[in-house]
Amino acid sequence: MKARLVLTLAILVAGFAKADFTINYNTTFSGTSPSSTSPYLTAAFADTALSNCLAGAVTCVSLTLTSSLENSSEFVTEWDFNNNTAGLTSLSFKAGATTGSFGLPTISPYSSNAYQADGDGLYDIMFNFQQGGGSSNRFDGTLDSIVYYIGGNVAFTADAFNVLSSPAGGSGPFVSAAHIQGITFGTQTCSGWITQGAGGNTGSSSCTPVPEPIHSGLFLTGALGGVMFLARKRLFGQA
């Protein structure tokens, strides 16, 4: 009887400690709303075995990215996340099972508050999916999904990604944001930024072009270039 009680308590504790969570992207917070049915995308985090991650990781979390875009012209280009773990300096990403046909994304290095979604705050992790090559290369349609195993230099659980972006004007902050392109209205093609929200779509019902976000690294490069140009003009006596 005592052994059975201990086992029951252990199962209950394990259940409460489980940190898995899913983000359902059903709200447009900037730009044009997709014509597909929401939720347009899902991102599911789960704690997993350390052996699933790349060598050197001290912890491992799986992330399953899934597109539910029915409109064949709509596709994902950017997908941003956060992680608030103290002492975290780097993340590793190992691609797992895929469904559908698409090019693997480029994943920018983990950097606190380095990536800004248009009309929202600053994020730590950025996935950039393919834009060219048509539907066979883009992350779109109801059959496109991929699993990533995320390792870190310090221990964390899936719940570490369930944290709001740092405010930087506009809407939000949000736990995550994604950029959908190829949204068509008549002869126009536009885009929108989506997230999980309680109120559903708040984006424009017409086609309003959305500018690409300016990331901190690009802004710094441009600023330094301008300073060097002015200094050179002064050095050579140019007006």
C-alpha atoms as a PDB file:
ATOM      1  CA  MET A   1       0.000   0.000   0.000  1.00  0.00           C
ATOM      2  CA  LYS A   2       2.801   2.392   0.913  1.00  0.00           C
ATOM      3  CA  ALA A   3       4.700   1.608  -2.281  1.00  0.00           C
ATOM      4  CA  ARG A   4       1.565   2.245  -4.334  1.00  0.00           C
ATOM      5  CA  LEU A   5       1.058   5.598  -2.598  1.00  0.00           C
ATOM      6  CA  VAL A   6       4.652   6.642  -3.289  1.00  0.00           C
ATOM      7  CA  LEU A   7       4.269   5.691  -6.966  1.00  0.00           C
ATOM      8  CA  THR A   8       1.023   7.682  -7.235  1.00  0.00           C
ATOM      9  CA  LEU A   9       2.640  10.756  -5.700  1.00  0.00           C
ATOM     10  CA  ALA A  10       5.608  10.446  -8.049  1.00  0.00           C
ATOM     11  CA  ILE A  11       3.298  10.365 -11.071  1.00  0.00           C
ATOM     12  CA  LEU A  12       1.399  13.423  -9.816  1.00  0.00           C
ATOM     13  CA  VAL A  13       4.589  15.381  -9.198  1.00  0.00           C
ATOM     14  CA  ALA A  14       5.867  14.484 -12.663  1.00  0.00           C
ATOM     15  CA  GLY A  15       2.598  15.647 -14.169  1.00  0.00           C
ATOM     16  CA  PHE A  16       2.707  19.028 -12.427  1.00  0.00           C
ATOM     17  CA  ALA A  17       6.382  19.511 -13.329  1.00  0.00           C
ATOM     18  CA  LYS A  18       5.736  18.967 -17.032  1.00  0.00           C
ATOM     19  CA  ALA A  19       6.598  22.219 -18.815  1.00  0.00           C
ATOM     20  CA  ASP A  20       5.278  21.485 -22.310  1.00  0.00           C
ATOM     21  CA  PHE A  21       3.201  24.177 -24.020  1.00  0.00           C
ATOM     22  CA  THR A  22       1.867  25.080 -27.473  1.00  0.00           C
ATOM     23  CA  ILE A  23       1.507  28.478 -29.152  1.00  0.00           C
ATOM     24  CA  ASN A  24      -1.435  28.838 -31.567  1.00  0.00           C
ATOM     25  CA  TYR A  25      -0.958  31.774 -33.957  1.00  0.00           C
ATOM     26  CA  ASN A  26      -4.478  33.143 -34.454  1.00  0.00           C
ATOM     27  CA  THR A  27      -4.020  36.925 -34.332  1.00  0.00           C
ATOM     28  CA  THR A  28      -2.580  39.470 -36.775  1.00  0.00           C
ATOM     29  CA  PHE A  29      -1.014  42.368 -34.865  1.00  0.00           C
ATOM     30  CA  SER A  30       0.598  44.242 -37.769  1.00  0.00           C
ATOM     31  CA  GLY A  31      -0.045  44.378 -41.495  1.00  0.00           C
ATOM     32  CA  THR A  32      -2.598  42.251 -43.354  1.00  0.00           C
ATOM     33  CA  SER A  33      -4.421  39.197 -41.988  1.00  0.00           C
ATOM     34  CA  PRO A  34      -3.871  35.927 -43.879  1.00  0.00           C
ATOM     35  CA  SER A  35      -6.869  34.615 -45.801  1.00  0.00           C
ATOM     36  CA  SER A  36      -6.209  31.112 -44.432  1.00  0.00           C
ATOM     37  CA  THR A  37      -8.111  29.816 -41.403  1.00  0.00           C
ATOM     38  CA  SER A  38      -6.607  30.457 -37.963  1.00  0.00           C
ATOM     39  CA  PRO A  39      -4.675  29.196 -36.194  1.00  0.00           C
ATOM     40  CA  TYR A  40      -2.311  29.727 -39.100  1.00  0.00           C
ATOM     41  CA  LEU A  41       0.726  28.200 -37.379  1.00  0.00           C
ATOM     42  CA  THR A  42       1.552  26.263 -34.220  1.00  0.00           C
ATOM     43  CA  ALA A  43       4.761  25.971 -32.209  1.00  0.00           C
ATOM     44  CA  ALA A  44       4.876  23.139 -29.665  1.00  0.00           C
ATOM     45  CA  PHE A  45       7.638  22.941 -27.040  1.00  0.00           C
ATOM     46  CA  ALA A  46       8.331  19.810 -24.980  1.00  0.00           C
ATOM     47  CA  ASP A  47      11.021  18.584 -22.624  1.00  0.00           C
ATOM     48  CA  THR A  48      12.902  15.684 -24.198  1.00  0.00           C
ATOM     49  CA  ALA A  49      15.869  13.363 -23.672  1.00  0.00           C
ATOM     50  CA  LEU A  50      19.321  14.948 -23.711  1.00  0.00           C
ATOM     51  CA  SER A  51      20.437  12.346 -26.275  1.00  0.00           C
ATOM     52  CA  ASN A  52      18.220  14.015 -28.894  1.00  0.00           C
ATOM     53  CA  CYS A  53      20.335  17.177 -28.885  1.00  0.00           C
ATOM     54  CA  LEU A  54      23.774  17.862 -30.291  1.00  0.00           C
ATOM     55  CA  ALA A  55      26.842  16.849 -28.265  1.00  0.00           C
ATOM     56  CA  GLY A  56      27.823  19.405 -25.635  1.00  0.00           C
ATOM     57  CA  ALA A  57      24.292  20.433 -24.667  1.00  0.00           C
ATOM     58  CA  VAL A  58      23.412  20.180 -20.978  1.00  0.00           C
ATOM     59  CA  THR A  59      19.657  20.225 -21.578  1.00  0.00           C
ATOM     60  CA  CYS A  60      17.277  19.470 -24.465  1.00  0.00           C
ATOM     61  CA  VAL A  61      13.865  20.743 -25.558  1.00  0.00           C
ATOM     62  CA  SER A  62      11.992  19.821 -28.723  1.00  0.00           C
ATOM     63  CA  LEU A  63      10.229  22.441 -30.839  1.00  0.00           C
ATOM     64  CA  THR A  64       7.708  21.369 -33.478  1.00  0.00           C
ATOM     65  CA  LEU A  65       6.857  24.059 -36.050  1.00  0.00           C
ATOM     66  CA  THR A  66       3.723  23.457 -38.135  1.00  0.00           C
ATOM     67  CA  SER A  67       2.053  25.494 -40.874  1.00  0.00           C
ATOM     68  CA  SER A  68      -1.735  25.341 -41.375  1.00  0.00           C
ATOM     69  CA  LEU A  69      -1.903  27.881 -44.206  1.00  0.00           C
ATOM     70  CA  GLU A  70      -4.479  26.656 -46.735  1.00  0.00           C
ATOM     71  CA  ASN A  71      -3.935  29.496 -49.225  1.00  0.00           C
ATOM     72  CA  SER A  72      -1.216  28.240 -51.564  1.00  0.00           C
ATOM     73  CA  SER A  73       0.292  31.731 -51.999  1.00  0.00           C
ATOM     74  CA  GLU A  74       0.903  32.290 -48.250  1.00  0.00           C
ATOM     75  CA  PHE A  75       4.129  31.212 -46.559  1.00  0.00           C
ATOM     76  CA  VAL A  76       6.274  31.860 -43.463  1.00  0.00           C
ATOM     77  CA  THR A  77       9.492  33.862 -43.730  1.00  0.00           C
ATOM     78  CA  GLU A  78      10.442  34.798 -40.156  1.00  0.00           C
ATOM     79  CA  TRP A  79       9.598  33.138 -36.828  1.00  0.00           C
ATOM     80  CA  ASP A  80      10.799  34.628 -33.511  1.00  0.00           C
ATOM     81  CA  PHE A  81      11.022  33.264 -29.958  1.00  0.00           C
ATOM     82  CA  ASN A  82      12.380  34.116 -26.501  1.00  0.00           C
ATOM     83  CA  ASN A  83      14.269  32.322 -23.743  1.00  0.00           C
ATOM     84  CA  ASN A  84      14.791  33.988 -20.347  1.00  0.00           C
ATOM     85  CA  THR A  85      17.172  31.481 -18.735  1.00  0.00           C
ATOM     86  CA  ALA A  86      19.819  33.076 -16.508  1.00  0.00           C
ATOM     87  CA  GLY A  87      23.352  32.406 -17.731  1.00  0.00           C
ATOM     88  CA  LEU A  88      22.253  31.307 -21.209  1.00  0.00           C
ATOM     89  CA  THR A  89      24.800  32.383 -23.834  1.00  0.00           C
ATOM     90  CA  SER A  90      24.265  29.927 -26.687  1.00  0.00           C
ATOM     91  CA  LEU A  91      21.751  27.497 -28.158  1.00  0.00           C
ATOM     92  CA  SER A  92      22.273  24.594 -30.551  1.00  0.00           C
ATOM     93  CA  PHE A  93      19.637  23.412 -33.033  1.00  0.00           C
ATOM     94  CA  LYS A  94      19.393  19.899 -34.439  1.00  0.00           C
ATOM     95  CA  ALA A  95      16.813  19.263 -37.164  1.00  0.00           C
ATOM     96  CA  GLY A  96      14.594  16.225 -36.674  1.00  0.00           C
ATOM     97  CA  ALA A  97      11.623  14.787 -38.523  1.00  0.00           C
ATOM     98  CA  THR A  98      10.007  16.824 -41.300  1.00  0.00           C
ATOM     99  CA  THR A  99       6.692  16.617 -43.159  1.00  0.00           C
ATOM    100  CA  GLY A 100       6.142  18.200 -46.556  1.00  0.00           C
ATOM    101  CA  SER A 101       8.574  19.835 -48.950  1.00  0.00           C
ATOM    102  CA  PHE A 102      10.481  23.000 -47.988  1.00  0.00           C
ATOM    103  CA  GLY A 103      13.955  24.395 -47.489  1.00  0.00           C
ATOM    104  CA  LEU A 104      15.373  24.346 -43.979  1.00  0.00           C
ATOM    105  CA  PRO A 105      15.462  27.762 -42.301  1.00  0.00           C
ATOM    106  CA  THR A 106      18.528  29.758 -41.371  1.00  0.00           C
ATOM    107  CA  ILE A 107      18.671  30.117 -37.582  1.00  0.00           C
ATOM    108  CA  SER A 108      20.366  33.249 -36.265  1.00  0.00           C
ATOM    109  CA  PRO A 109      22.603  32.812 -33.197  1.00  0.00           C
ATOM    110  CA  TYR A 110      20.932  33.182 -29.815  1.00  0.00           C
ATOM    111  CA  SER A 111      21.271  36.805 -28.707  1.00  0.00           C
ATOM    112  CA  SER A 112      19.189  38.517 -26.051  1.00  0.00           C
ATOM    113  CA  ASN A 113      16.789  41.109 -27.548  1.00  0.00           C
ATOM    114  CA  ALA A 114      18.624  41.108 -30.895  1.00  0.00           C
ATOM    115  CA  TYR A 115      15.709  40.556 -33.284  1.00  0.00           C
ATOM    116  CA  GLN A 116      12.676  42.794 -33.684  1.00  0.00           C
ATOM    117  CA  ALA A 117       9.350  41.775 -35.185  1.00  0.00           C
ATOM    118  CA  ASP A 118       7.647  44.599 -37.054  1.00  0.00           C
ATOM    119  CA  GLY A 119       5.284  46.502 -34.766  1.00  0.00           C
ATOM    120  CA  ASP A 120       6.328  44.534 -31.686  1.00  0.00           C
ATOM    121  CA  GLY A 121       9.161  43.936 -29.250  1.00  0.00           C
ATOM    122  CA  LEU A 122      12.623  42.358 -29.250  1.00  0.00           C
ATOM    123  CA  TYR A 123      13.252  38.609 -29.463  1.00  0.00           C
ATOM    124  CA  ASP A 124      16.208  36.312 -28.730  1.00  0.00           C
ATOM    125  CA  ILE A 125      15.842  33.627 -31.436  1.00  0.00           C
ATOM    126  CA  MET A 126      15.064  34.062 -35.140  1.00  0.00           C
ATOM    127  CA  PHE A 127      14.250  31.438 -37.784  1.00  0.00           C
ATOM    128  CA  ASN A 128      14.422  32.684 -41.394  1.00  0.00           C
ATOM    129  CA  PHE A 129      12.606  30.415 -43.866  1.00  0.00           C
ATOM    130  CA  GLN A 130      13.137  30.393 -47.631  1.00  0.00           C
ATOM    131  CA  GLN A 131      11.307  33.002 -49.718  1.00  0.00           C
ATOM    132  CA  GLY A 132      12.186  31.905 -53.261  1.00  0.00           C
ATOM    133  CA  GLY A 133      11.829  28.630 -55.106  1.00  0.00           C
ATOM    134  CA  GLY A 134       8.037  28.379 -55.019  1.00  0.00           C
ATOM    135  CA  SER A 135       5.940  26.092 -52.818  1.00  0.00           C
ATOM    136  CA  SER A 136       8.500  23.273 -52.927  1.00  0.00           C
ATOM    137  CA  ASN A 137      11.001  25.470 -51.072  1.00  0.00           C
ATOM    138  CA  ARG A 138       8.711  27.571 -48.857  1.00  0.00           C
ATOM    139  CA  PHE A 139       7.303  26.686 -45.459  1.00  0.00           C
ATOM    140  CA  ASP A 140       3.598  26.679 -46.307  1.00  0.00           C
ATOM    141  CA  GLY A 141       0.503  24.479 -46.643  1.00  0.00           C
ATOM    142  CA  THR A 142      -1.070  22.078 -44.160  1.00  0.00           C
ATOM    143  CA  LEU A 143       1.605  19.410 -44.690  1.00  0.00           C
ATOM    144  CA  ASP A 144       4.715  21.402 -43.710  1.00  0.00           C
ATOM    145  CA  SER A 145       6.214  20.743 -40.281  1.00  0.00           C
ATOM    146  CA  ILE A 146       9.641  20.295 -38.728  1.00  0.00           C
ATOM    147  CA  VAL A 147      11.012  19.265 -35.340  1.00  0.00           C
ATOM    148  CA  TYR A 148      14.058  20.951 -33.847  1.00  0.00           C
ATOM    149  CA  TYR A 149      15.952  19.733 -30.790  1.00  0.00           C
ATOM    150  CA  ILE A 150      17.256  22.765 -28.897  1.00  0.00           C
ATOM    151  CA  GLY A 151      20.197  22.414 -26.528  1.00  0.00           C
ATOM    152  CA  GLY A 152      21.801  25.025 -24.316  1.00  0.00           C
ATOM    153  CA  ASN A 153      24.929  25.743 -22.334  1.00  0.00           C
ATOM    154  CA  VAL A 154      22.831  25.826 -19.135  1.00  0.00           C
ATOM    155  CA  ALA A 155      19.827  23.782 -18.021  1.00  0.00           C
ATOM    156  CA  PHE A 156      16.285  24.914 -18.855  1.00  0.00           C
ATOM    157  CA  THR A 157      12.869  23.403 -19.539  1.00  0.00           C
ATOM    158  CA  ALA A 158      10.363  24.011 -22.328  1.00  0.00           C
ATOM    159  CA  ASP A 159       8.707  26.625 -20.151  1.00  0.00           C
ATOM    160  CA  ALA A 160      11.797  28.855 -20.509  1.00  0.00           C
ATOM    161  CA  PHE A 161      10.518  29.757 -23.987  1.00  0.00           C
ATOM    162  CA  ASN A 162       7.146  30.829 -22.569  1.00  0.00           C
ATOM    163  CA  VAL A 163       8.256  34.399 -21.892  1.00  0.00           C
ATOM    164  CA  LEU A 164       7.235  37.743 -23.362  1.00  0.00           C
ATOM    165  CA  SER A 165       9.398  39.766 -25.739  1.00  0.00           C
ATOM    166  CA  SER A 166      11.040  42.939 -24.467  1.00  0.00           C
ATOM    167  CA  PRO A 167       8.850  45.976 -25.291  1.00  0.00           C
ATOM    168  CA  ALA A 168      10.049  48.125 -28.184  1.00  0.00           C
ATOM    169  CA  GLY A 169       6.984  50.116 -29.187  1.00  0.00           C
ATOM    170  CA  GLY A 170       3.924  49.094 -31.149  1.00  0.00           C
ATOM    171  CA  SER A 171       1.839  46.085 -30.148  1.00  0.00           C
ATOM    172  CA  GLY A 172       2.763  43.411 -27.663  1.00  0.00           C
ATOM    173  CA  PRO A 173       4.815  42.225 -26.037  1.00  0.00           C
ATOM    174  CA  PHE A 174       4.155  38.629 -27.183  1.00  0.00           C
ATOM    175  CA  VAL A 175       5.626  35.199 -26.463  1.00  0.00           C
ATOM    176  CA  SER A 176       6.353  34.712 -30.155  1.00  0.00           C
ATOM    177  CA  ALA A 177       5.792  36.349 -33.551  1.00  0.00           C
ATOM    178  CA  ALA A 178       5.834  35.124 -37.148  1.00  0.00           C
ATOM    179  CA  HIS A 179       5.861  36.880 -40.520  1.00  0.00           C
ATOM    180  CA  ILE A 180       3.484  35.621 -43.233  1.00  0.00           C
ATOM    181  CA  GLN A 181       4.080  36.719 -46.831  1.00  0.00           C
ATOM    182  CA  GLY A 182       2.178  36.105 -50.039  1.00  0.00           C
ATOM    183  CA  ILE A 183      -1.157  37.396 -48.688  1.00  0.00           C
ATOM    184  CA  THR A 184      -3.120  38.481 -51.763  1.00  0.00           C
ATOM    185  CA  PHE A 185      -5.932  41.010 -52.219  1.00  0.00           C
ATOM    186  CA  GLY A 186      -6.853  41.393 -55.869  1.00  0.00           C
ATOM    187  CA  THR A 187      -3.659  42.204 -57.734  1.00  0.00           C
ATOM    188  CA  GLN A 188      -1.739  43.197 -54.588  1.00  0.00           C
ATOM    189  CA  THR A 189       0.526  40.952 -52.549  1.00  0.00           C
ATOM    190  CA  CYS A 190       1.200  41.874 -48.919  1.00  0.00           C
ATOM    191  CA  SER A 191       2.253  40.424 -45.581  1.00  0.00           C
ATOM    192  CA  GLY A 192       1.293  40.346 -41.928  1.00  0.00           C
ATOM    193  CA  TRP A 193       2.764  39.596 -38.498  1.00  0.00           C
ATOM    194  CA  ILE A 194       0.906  37.051 -36.365  1.00  0.00           C
ATOM    195  CA  THR A 195       0.948  35.794 -32.791  1.00  0.00           C
ATOM    196  CA  GLN A 196      -1.243  34.077 -30.218  1.00  0.00           C
ATOM    197  CA  GLY A 197      -3.979  36.324 -28.874  1.00  0.00           C
ATOM    198  CA  ALA A 198      -7.294  36.107 -27.084  1.00  0.00           C
ATOM    199  CA  GLY A 199      -9.070  38.556 -29.374  1.00  0.00           C
ATOM    200  CA  GLY A 200      -8.442  36.978 -32.766  1.00  0.00           C
ATOM    201  CA  ASN A 201      -7.465  39.003 -35.839  1.00  0.00           C
ATOM    202  CA  THR A 202      -6.808  42.716 -35.423  1.00  0.00           C
ATOM    203  CA  GLY A 203      -4.926  43.240 -38.693  1.00  0.00           C
ATOM    204  CA  SER A 204      -6.030  45.250 -41.692  1.00  0.00           C
ATOM    205  CA  SER A 205      -8.780  43.817 -43.902  1.00  0.00           C
ATOM    206  CA  SER A 206      -7.161  45.460 -46.932  1.00  0.00           C
ATOM    207  CA  CYS A 207      -3.729  44.973 -48.429  1.00  0.00           C
ATOM    208  CA  THR A 208      -1.251  47.240 -46.651  1.00  0.00           C
ATOM    209  CA  PRO A 209       2.451  46.612 -47.419  1.00  0.00           C
ATOM    210  CA  VAL A 210       4.525  45.826 -44.323  1.00  0.00           C
ATOM    211  CA  PRO A 211       8.176  46.957 -44.191  1.00  0.00           C
ATOM    212  CA  GLU A 212      10.819  44.411 -43.289  1.00  0.00           C
ATOM    213  CA  PRO A 213      12.114  44.687 -39.693  1.00  0.00           C
ATOM    214  CA  ILE A 214      15.422  46.452 -39.055  1.00  0.00           C
ATOM    215  CA  HIS A 215      17.577  44.139 -36.940  1.00  0.00           C
ATOM    216  CA  SER A 216      20.071  45.605 -34.506  1.00  0.00           C
ATOM    217  CA  GLY A 217      23.116  44.249 -36.361  1.00  0.00           C
ATOM    218  CA  LEU A 218      22.045  45.802 -39.669  1.00  0.00           C
ATOM    219  CA  PHE A 219      21.273  49.126 -38.024  1.00  0.00           C
ATOM    220  CA  LEU A 220      24.688  49.253 -36.368  1.00  0.00           C
ATOM    221  CA  THR A 221      26.458  48.426 -39.645  1.00  0.00           C
ATOM    222  CA  GLY A 222      24.620  51.225 -41.446  1.00  0.00           C
ATOM    223  CA  ALA A 223      25.355  53.738 -38.704  1.00  0.00           C
ATOM    224  CA  LEU A 224      29.087  52.938 -38.672  1.00  0.00           C
ATOM    225  CA  GLY A 225      29.190  53.197 -42.474  1.00  0.00           C
ATOM    226  CA  GLY A 226      27.698  56.684 -42.302  1.00  0.00           C
ATOM    227  CA  VAL A 227      30.233  57.831 -39.708  1.00  0.00           C
ATOM    228  CA  MET A 228      33.167  56.516 -41.770  1.00  0.00           C
ATOM    229  CA  PHE A 229      31.842  58.242 -44.920  1.00  0.00           C
ATOM    230  CA  LEU A 230      31.619  61.633 -43.174  1.00  0.00           C
ATOM    231  CA  ALA A 231      35.070  61.243 -41.654  1.00  0.00           C
ATOM    232  CA  ARG A 232      36.585  60.480 -45.058  1.00  0.00           C
ATOM    233  CA  LYS A 233      34.990  63.568 -46.618  1.00  0.00           C
ATOM    234  CA  ARG A 234      36.462  65.771 -43.900  1.00  0.00           C
ATOM    235  CA  LEU A 235      39.911  64.148 -44.209  1.00  0.00           C
ATOM    236  CA  PHE A 236      40.171  64.870 -47.926  1.00  0.00           C
ATOM    237  CA  GLY A 237      38.588  68.294 -47.678  1.00  0.00           C
ATOM    238  CA  GLN A 238      35.429  67.438 -49.582  1.00  0.00           C
ATOM    239  CA  ALA A 239      32.360  69.592 -49.081  1.00  0.00           C
END
